[in-house]
């Protein structure tokens, strides 16, 4: 979860809680971490743009998921 903590430092606890209780959210986070692991250090790598676009999309998805769960009556 280290990479997610860097992007979402204020939501680390909520991310941990949701990952343990929500399989869809856990998969989104796992996908994010898998892509981070593939991210090349060299920005001239031809896959760099695709990876960063996908990571941004997953970050948006995580933000939306966190926002929807924080507004629910349960949370």
Protein backbone atom coordinates (compact mmCIF):
# COMPACT_ATOMS: atom_id res chain seq x y z
CA UNK A 1 0.00 0.00 0.00
CA UNK A 2 3.04 2.28 0.07
CA UNK A 3 2.40 3.68 -3.43
CA UNK A 4 -1.21 4.43 -2.55
CA UNK A 5 -0.13 6.15 0.67
CA UNK A 6 2.05 8.50 -1.36
CA UNK A 7 -0.84 9.51 -3.60
CA UNK A 8 -3.53 9.44 -0.90
CA UNK A 9 -1.73 10.28 2.35
CA UNK A 10 -4.84 11.54 4.14
CA UNK A 11 -6.91 8.49 3.22
CA UNK A 12 -4.46 5.73 4.16
CA UNK A 13 -6.64 4.39 6.97
CA UNK A 14 -9.79 4.46 4.86
CA UNK A 15 -7.99 2.71 2.00
CA UNK A 16 -6.79 -0.01 4.34
CA UNK A 17 -10.27 -0.47 5.78
CA UNK A 18 -11.95 -0.62 2.38
CA UNK A 19 -9.34 -2.99 0.97
CA UNK A 20 -10.03 -5.46 3.73
CA UNK A 21 -13.82 -5.26 3.42
CA UNK A 22 -14.53 -4.55 -0.26
CA UNK A 23 -13.24 -6.93 -2.93
CA UNK A 24 -13.92 -4.52 -5.81
CA UNK A 25 -11.92 -1.76 -4.15
CA UNK A 26 -9.18 -4.22 -3.23
CA UNK A 27 -8.88 -5.21 -6.89
CA UNK A 28 -8.69 -1.58 -8.02
CA UNK A 29 -5.84 -1.02 -5.54
CA UNK A 30 -4.09 -4.22 -6.63
CA UNK A 31 -4.32 -3.10 -10.27
CA UNK A 32 -2.82 0.26 -9.31
CA UNK A 33 0.06 -1.38 -7.47
CA UNK A 34 0.69 -3.76 -10.39
CA UNK A 35 0.96 -0.84 -12.80
CA UNK A 36 3.24 1.09 -10.45
CA UNK A 37 5.56 -1.92 -10.43
CA UNK A 38 5.67 -1.82 -14.25
CA UNK A 39 6.37 1.89 -14.46
CA UNK A 40 9.77 2.32 -16.06
CA UNK A 41 12.23 4.78 -14.63
CA UNK A 42 12.99 6.18 -18.07
CA UNK A 43 10.30 8.56 -19.33
CA UNK A 44 11.43 7.91 -22.92
CA UNK A 45 10.23 4.30 -22.70
CA UNK A 46 7.37 3.89 -25.21
CA UNK A 47 5.08 2.36 -22.59
CA UNK A 48 5.52 5.24 -20.15
CA UNK A 49 2.61 7.37 -21.42
CA UNK A 50 0.20 4.43 -21.46
CA UNK A 51 1.15 3.43 -17.93
CA UNK A 52 0.83 6.93 -16.55
CA UNK A 53 -2.56 7.39 -18.26
CA UNK A 54 -3.78 4.12 -16.75
CA UNK A 55 -2.45 5.10 -13.31
CA UNK A 56 -4.24 8.45 -13.50
CA UNK A 57 -7.45 6.67 -14.42
CA UNK A 58 -7.10 4.30 -11.46
CA UNK A 59 -6.31 7.23 -9.14
CA UNK A 60 -9.54 8.91 -10.31
CA UNK A 61 -11.44 5.67 -9.75
CA UNK A 62 -10.00 5.37 -6.23
CA UNK A 63 -10.90 9.01 -5.48
CA UNK A 64 -14.48 8.46 -6.65
CA UNK A 65 -14.75 5.25 -4.66
CA UNK A 66 -13.46 6.92 -1.50
CA UNK A 67 -15.82 9.86 -1.99
CA UNK A 68 -18.83 7.62 -2.50
CA UNK A 69 -18.02 5.55 0.60
CA UNK A 70 -17.40 8.59 2.79
CA UNK A 71 -20.83 10.00 1.88
CA UNK A 72 -22.67 6.77 2.62
CA UNK A 73 -24.77 6.56 5.79
CA UNK A 74 -22.54 3.71 7.07
CA UNK A 75 -19.31 5.66 6.96
